[in-house]
Amino acid sequence: MLRNATSFGGKTVVITGAASGIGKALAHQFAASGARVALLDIDGRSLALATRELPAERVTTRICDVRDPDACEAAIHSVIETFGGIDVLVNNAGLSHHSRFADTQLDVVRRVMDVNFYGAVHCTRAALDSLVARRGMIVVLSSVAGFAPLVGRCGYAASKHALHGLFDSLRSELVDDGVGVLMVCPSFTRTAIDDNALRGDGGRYQRGAAKPSGSSPDVVARDIVRAAGKRRKQLVLSPVGKTSYWLWHLLPPVYERLMRRSQRQELRQ
């Protein structure tokens, strides 16, 4: 069982959406902690680039579209054959959109749900037997939008809320099997998620010249690895995230007013 808060030596960690952003940073953090890491992503070129600074003997990659349950099954089983089993599964792959619900095609909501929610379902089902056998851990990248509303991203928020419903329940099912579930709720992080985000019509969202703002992926990854080592159940990151958590639970009207103000640009689109 994973008990050490600082070392994952000899453990096998699978990370989805591992070619960039938080996933890539997690691969480096887990590898630095001694783990063997399996990087899964749909982008093969970026996946190859992401492994260049990782120790070759402790890393493997698989091109995998998490929307496809058969592809997830094949990728997970391949990792098990390579490393002997899985101790930690990190469901990190994600997709966002920027559009009012009234202006969002149903297919866009489905695509976001397919990646964010069903992608985690597919990989978890494929890895579950090995995780139970090793009394391992599931790490799920949710968001502040997983417990509070976010204007202009109704489909994204719905997918993250769904993750909490499934994995908080799954945690209760797996107590006797010794498998932990950590829900991670970052606030804004300096990643390229908006570069791949969808408009309401399904096209590519144009963020403009503004650079990503928020926390560093490396800092986020460091905190996630520490929380996983301590087998925590939930991790809300950054002062903005923690303030949002308590405001939404204690003073929902205040949170909504502040959130709408901060996301004014979303409301104008």
Protein backbone atom coordinates (compact mmCIF):
# COMPACT_ATOMS: atom_id res chain seq x y z
CA MET A 1 0.00 0.00 0.00
CA LEU A 2 1.14 3.56 -0.72
CA ARG A 3 2.06 5.17 2.59
CA ASN A 4 5.22 7.22 2.02
CA ALA A 5 4.44 10.91 1.59
CA THR A 6 7.58 11.67 -0.40
CA SER A 7 8.65 8.58 -2.34
CA PHE A 8 6.98 6.43 -4.98
CA GLY A 9 10.04 4.28 -5.54
CA GLY A 10 9.20 1.07 -7.37
CA LYS A 11 5.59 2.11 -7.96
CA THR A 12 3.94 2.37 -11.37
CA VAL A 13 1.98 5.52 -12.17
CA VAL A 14 -0.26 5.92 -15.24
CA ILE A 15 -1.11 9.48 -16.30
CA THR A 16 -3.63 10.39 -18.98
CA GLY A 17 -3.31 13.67 -20.87
CA ALA A 18 0.39 13.44 -20.04
CA ALA A 19 1.87 15.22 -23.07
CA SER A 20 1.54 18.74 -21.68
CA GLY A 21 0.43 20.93 -18.80
CA ILE A 22 -0.33 19.34 -15.43
CA GLY A 23 -0.02 15.82 -16.85
CA LYS A 24 3.50 16.41 -18.10
CA ALA A 25 4.49 18.09 -14.84
CA LEU A 26 3.07 15.13 -12.90
CA ALA A 27 5.14 12.71 -14.97
CA HIS A 28 8.29 14.57 -13.98
CA GLN A 29 7.29 14.84 -10.31
CA PHE A 30 6.39 11.16 -9.98
CA ALA A 31 9.56 10.12 -11.83
CA ALA A 32 11.65 12.31 -9.53
CA SER A 33 10.00 10.50 -6.62
CA GLY A 34 11.23 7.17 -7.96
CA ALA A 35 8.17 5.94 -9.82
CA ARG A 36 7.93 4.23 -13.18
CA VAL A 37 5.62 6.38 -15.26
CA ALA A 38 3.35 5.51 -18.17
CA LEU A 39 2.29 8.53 -20.20
CA LEU A 40 -0.97 8.31 -22.17
CA ASP A 41 -2.10 10.98 -24.62
CA ILE A 42 -3.81 11.35 -27.97
CA ASP A 43 -0.99 13.61 -29.26
CA GLY A 44 1.86 11.28 -30.20
CA ARG A 45 4.32 14.00 -31.21
CA SER A 46 3.94 15.96 -27.96
CA LEU A 47 4.05 12.69 -26.04
CA ALA A 48 7.46 11.88 -27.53
CA LEU A 49 8.75 15.35 -26.64
CA ALA A 50 7.45 15.07 -23.09
CA THR A 51 9.59 11.99 -22.38
CA ARG A 52 12.95 13.45 -23.41
CA GLU A 53 13.92 14.53 -19.89
CA LEU A 54 12.59 11.41 -18.17
CA PRO A 55 14.74 8.35 -17.36
CA ALA A 56 14.28 5.99 -20.32
CA GLU A 57 14.33 2.84 -18.18
CA ARG A 58 11.40 4.06 -16.06
CA VAL A 59 9.09 5.57 -18.66
CA THR A 60 6.77 4.21 -21.31
CA THR A 61 4.25 5.96 -23.54
CA ARG A 62 1.01 4.95 -25.22
CA ILE A 63 -1.00 6.93 -27.76
CA CYS A 64 -4.53 6.72 -26.41
CA ASP A 65 -7.83 8.47 -27.10
CA VAL A 66 -9.56 8.23 -23.73
CA ARG A 67 -12.96 8.58 -25.43
CA ASP A 68 -12.46 5.07 -26.82
CA PRO A 69 -12.97 2.34 -24.18
CA ASP A 70 -11.18 -0.27 -26.30
CA ALA A 71 -8.16 2.01 -26.71
CA CYS A 72 -8.06 2.60 -22.96
CA GLU A 73 -8.30 -1.13 -22.26
CA ALA A 74 -5.46 -1.86 -24.67
CA ALA A 75 -3.23 0.92 -23.31
CA ILE A 76 -3.76 -0.02 -19.67
CA HIS A 77 -3.17 -3.71 -20.30
CA SER A 78 -0.02 -2.89 -22.24
CA VAL A 79 1.31 -0.90 -19.28
CA ILE A 80 0.52 -3.79 -16.94
CA GLU A 81 2.43 -6.16 -19.21
CA THR A 82 5.39 -3.76 -19.32
CA PHE A 83 5.64 -2.85 -15.62
CA GLY A 84 3.76 -5.70 -13.94
CA GLY A 85 0.85 -3.70 -12.57
CA ILE A 86 -0.47 -0.24 -11.71
CA ASP A 87 -0.20 1.47 -8.32
CA VAL A 88 -1.53 4.93 -9.22
CA LEU A 89 -3.88 5.97 -11.99
CA VAL A 90 -4.08 9.71 -12.67
CA ASN A 91 -7.15 10.69 -14.68
CA ASN A 92 -5.92 14.02 -15.99
CA ALA A 93 -6.99 14.25 -19.66
CA GLY A 94 -9.32 17.20 -20.13
CA LEU A 95 -11.18 19.36 -22.64
CA SER A 96 -12.92 22.69 -22.12
CA HIS A 97 -15.27 24.98 -24.02
CA HIS A 98 -16.11 28.69 -23.94
CA SER A 99 -19.73 29.45 -24.75
CA ARG A 100 -23.06 30.20 -23.13
CA PHE A 101 -25.22 27.11 -22.84
CA ALA A 102 -27.84 28.64 -25.16
CA ASP A 103 -25.15 29.02 -27.84
CA THR A 104 -23.56 25.59 -27.35
CA GLN A 105 -24.30 22.71 -29.69
CA LEU A 106 -25.20 19.48 -27.92
CA ASP A 107 -22.28 17.73 -29.60
CA VAL A 108 -19.87 20.10 -27.85
CA VAL A 109 -21.26 19.13 -24.44
CA ARG A 110 -20.97 15.46 -25.41
CA ARG A 111 -17.36 15.86 -26.56
CA VAL A 112 -16.38 17.57 -23.31
CA MET A 113 -18.17 14.88 -21.29
CA ASP A 114 -16.57 12.11 -23.36
CA VAL A 115 -13.05 13.31 -22.53
CA ASN A 116 -13.44 14.60 -18.99
CA PHE A 117 -15.91 12.11 -17.55
CA TYR A 118 -16.06 9.00 -19.72
CA GLY A 119 -12.31 9.09 -20.32
CA ALA A 120 -11.82 8.70 -16.57
CA VAL A 121 -14.49 5.98 -16.47
CA HIS A 122 -12.83 4.01 -19.27
CA CYS A 123 -9.33 4.12 -17.80
CA THR A 124 -10.47 3.40 -14.26
CA ARG A 125 -12.47 0.34 -15.30
CA ALA A 126 -9.49 -0.97 -17.26
CA ALA A 127 -7.04 -0.44 -14.37
CA LEU A 128 -9.29 -1.33 -11.44
CA ASP A 129 -8.32 -4.98 -10.96
CA SER A 130 -4.63 -4.09 -10.84
CA LEU A 131 -5.26 -1.16 -8.49
CA VAL A 132 -7.21 -3.43 -6.14
CA ALA A 133 -4.51 -6.10 -6.27
CA ARG A 134 -1.88 -3.52 -5.32
CA ARG A 135 -4.09 -1.52 -2.91
CA GLY A 136 -3.25 1.50 -5.00
CA MET A 137 -4.73 4.91 -5.66
CA ILE A 138 -6.84 6.79 -8.18
CA VAL A 139 -6.14 10.50 -8.65
CA VAL A 140 -8.80 12.51 -10.48
CA LEU A 141 -8.18 16.01 -11.84
CA SER A 142 -11.37 17.90 -11.21
CA SER A 143 -11.56 21.69 -10.85
CA VAL A 144 -13.06 24.48 -8.81
CA ALA A 145 -15.80 24.05 -11.45
CA GLY A 146 -16.33 20.58 -9.95
CA PHE A 147 -17.98 21.99 -6.84
CA ALA A 148 -19.09 25.48 -7.92
CA PRO A 149 -20.66 27.06 -11.03
CA LEU A 150 -18.64 28.65 -13.83
CA VAL A 151 -20.37 30.81 -16.42
CA GLY A 152 -19.51 30.20 -20.05
CA ARG A 153 -18.47 26.61 -19.36
CA CYS A 154 -21.67 24.78 -18.35
CA GLY A 155 -20.63 21.56 -20.09
CA TYR A 156 -17.15 21.66 -18.53
CA ALA A 157 -18.58 22.26 -15.05
CA ALA A 158 -21.08 19.45 -15.55
CA SER A 159 -18.31 17.01 -16.47
CA LYS A 160 -16.31 17.94 -13.38
CA HIS A 161 -19.34 17.69 -11.09
CA ALA A 162 -19.99 14.24 -12.57
CA LEU A 163 -16.46 13.17 -11.65
CA HIS A 164 -17.14 13.96 -8.00
CA GLY A 165 -20.37 11.99 -8.03
CA LEU A 166 -18.71 8.92 -9.48
CA PHE A 167 -15.37 8.92 -7.70
CA ASP A 168 -16.57 10.01 -4.25
CA SER A 169 -19.00 7.08 -4.47
CA LEU A 170 -16.32 4.74 -5.81
CA ARG A 171 -14.06 5.66 -2.89
CA SER A 172 -16.73 4.34 -0.54
CA GLU A 173 -17.00 1.12 -2.56
CA LEU A 174 -13.24 0.56 -2.45
CA VAL A 175 -12.59 1.18 1.25
CA ASP A 176 -12.36 -2.50 2.09
CA ASP A 177 -10.08 -3.09 -0.91
CA GLY A 178 -7.56 -0.53 0.33
CA VAL A 179 -7.78 1.65 -2.79
CA GLY A 180 -7.70 5.40 -2.21
CA VAL A 181 -9.32 8.11 -4.33
CA LEU A 182 -7.95 11.65 -4.39
CA MET A 183 -10.06 14.41 -5.97
CA VAL A 184 -7.91 17.37 -7.06
CA CYS A 185 -9.52 20.77 -7.59
CA PRO A 186 -7.11 23.28 -9.13
CA SER A 187 -8.11 26.82 -9.93
CA PHE A 188 -6.72 28.55 -13.02
CA THR A 189 -3.40 27.01 -14.05
CA ARG A 190 -0.91 28.10 -16.71
CA THR A 191 -1.60 25.34 -19.23
CA ALA A 192 -2.69 25.19 -22.86
CA ILE A 193 -6.19 23.88 -22.14
CA ASP A 194 -7.73 27.00 -23.66
CA ASP A 195 -5.68 26.50 -26.82
CA ASN A 196 -7.62 23.27 -27.39
CA ALA A 197 -10.95 24.52 -26.04
CA LEU A 198 -14.10 24.50 -28.18
CA ARG A 199 -16.47 27.26 -29.16
CA GLY A 200 -20.17 26.69 -28.92
CA ASP A 201 -20.29 25.72 -32.59
CA GLY A 202 -17.55 23.12 -32.14
CA GLY A 203 -14.75 25.19 -33.68
CA ARG A 204 -11.49 26.11 -32.00
CA TYR A 205 -11.78 28.79 -29.33
CA GLN A 206 -9.58 31.83 -29.93
CA ARG A 207 -8.12 33.03 -26.66
CA GLY A 208 -6.34 36.01 -28.25
CA ALA A 209 -2.96 37.37 -27.23
CA ALA A 210 -3.44 36.91 -23.50
CA LYS A 211 -1.09 34.38 -21.93
CA PRO A 212 -2.40 31.68 -19.60
CA SER A 213 -2.65 32.89 -16.02
CA GLY A 214 -2.77 31.17 -12.67
CA SER A 215 -0.64 28.62 -10.87
CA SER A 216 2.41 26.93 -12.35
CA PRO A 217 1.79 23.33 -13.49
CA ASP A 218 4.98 22.31 -11.66
CA VAL A 219 3.68 23.68 -8.34
CA VAL A 220 0.30 22.04 -8.89
CA ALA A 221 1.96 18.71 -9.72
CA ARG A 222 4.21 18.89 -6.66
CA ASP A 223 1.21 19.41 -4.37
CA ILE A 224 -0.71 16.57 -6.03
CA VAL A 225 2.16 14.10 -5.57
CA ARG A 226 2.46 15.08 -1.91
CA ALA A 227 -1.28 14.65 -1.37
CA ALA A 228 -1.26 11.29 -3.14
CA GLY A 229 1.60 10.12 -0.93
CA LYS A 230 -0.49 11.02 2.12
CA ARG A 231 -3.54 9.31 0.60
CA ARG A 232 -5.69 12.39 0.98
CA LYS A 233 -9.27 12.36 -0.27
CA GLN A 234 -9.47 15.90 -1.60
CA LEU A 235 -7.04 18.65 -2.53
CA VAL A 236 -8.25 22.18 -3.30
CA LEU A 237 -5.38 24.21 -4.73
CA SER A 238 -4.38 27.89 -4.65
CA PRO A 239 -5.75 30.76 -2.56
CA VAL A 240 -8.36 31.44 -5.27
CA GLY A 241 -9.51 27.82 -5.20
CA LYS A 242 -9.73 27.65 -1.41
CA THR A 243 -11.56 30.97 -1.19
CA SER A 244 -13.96 29.79 -3.91
CA TYR A 245 -14.61 26.54 -2.04
CA TRP A 246 -15.61 28.24 1.20
CA LEU A 247 -17.50 31.10 -0.42
CA TRP A 248 -19.60 28.72 -2.49
CA HIS A 249 -20.42 26.53 0.50
CA LEU A 250 -21.03 29.35 2.99
CA LEU A 251 -22.13 32.35 0.90
CA PRO A 252 -23.32 31.14 -2.52
CA PRO A 253 -24.78 34.51 -3.64
CA VAL A 254 -21.49 36.25 -2.91
CA TYR A 255 -19.51 33.62 -4.79
CA GLU A 256 -21.82 33.82 -7.79
CA ARG A 257 -21.61 37.61 -7.94
CA LEU A 258 -17.80 37.58 -7.75
CA MET A 259 -17.49 34.74 -10.26
CA ARG A 260 -19.76 36.48 -12.77
CA ARG A 261 -17.74 39.65 -12.40
CA SER A 262 -14.42 37.87 -12.89
CA GLN A 263 -15.75 36.03 -15.93
CA ARG A 264 -17.40 39.05 -17.52
CA GLN A 265 -15.74 38.37 -20.86
CA GLU A 266 -17.42 34.97 -21.05
CA LEU A 267 -20.81 36.60 -20.62
CA ARG A 268 -20.15 39.01 -23.47
CA GLN A 269 -19.51 36.27 -26.02
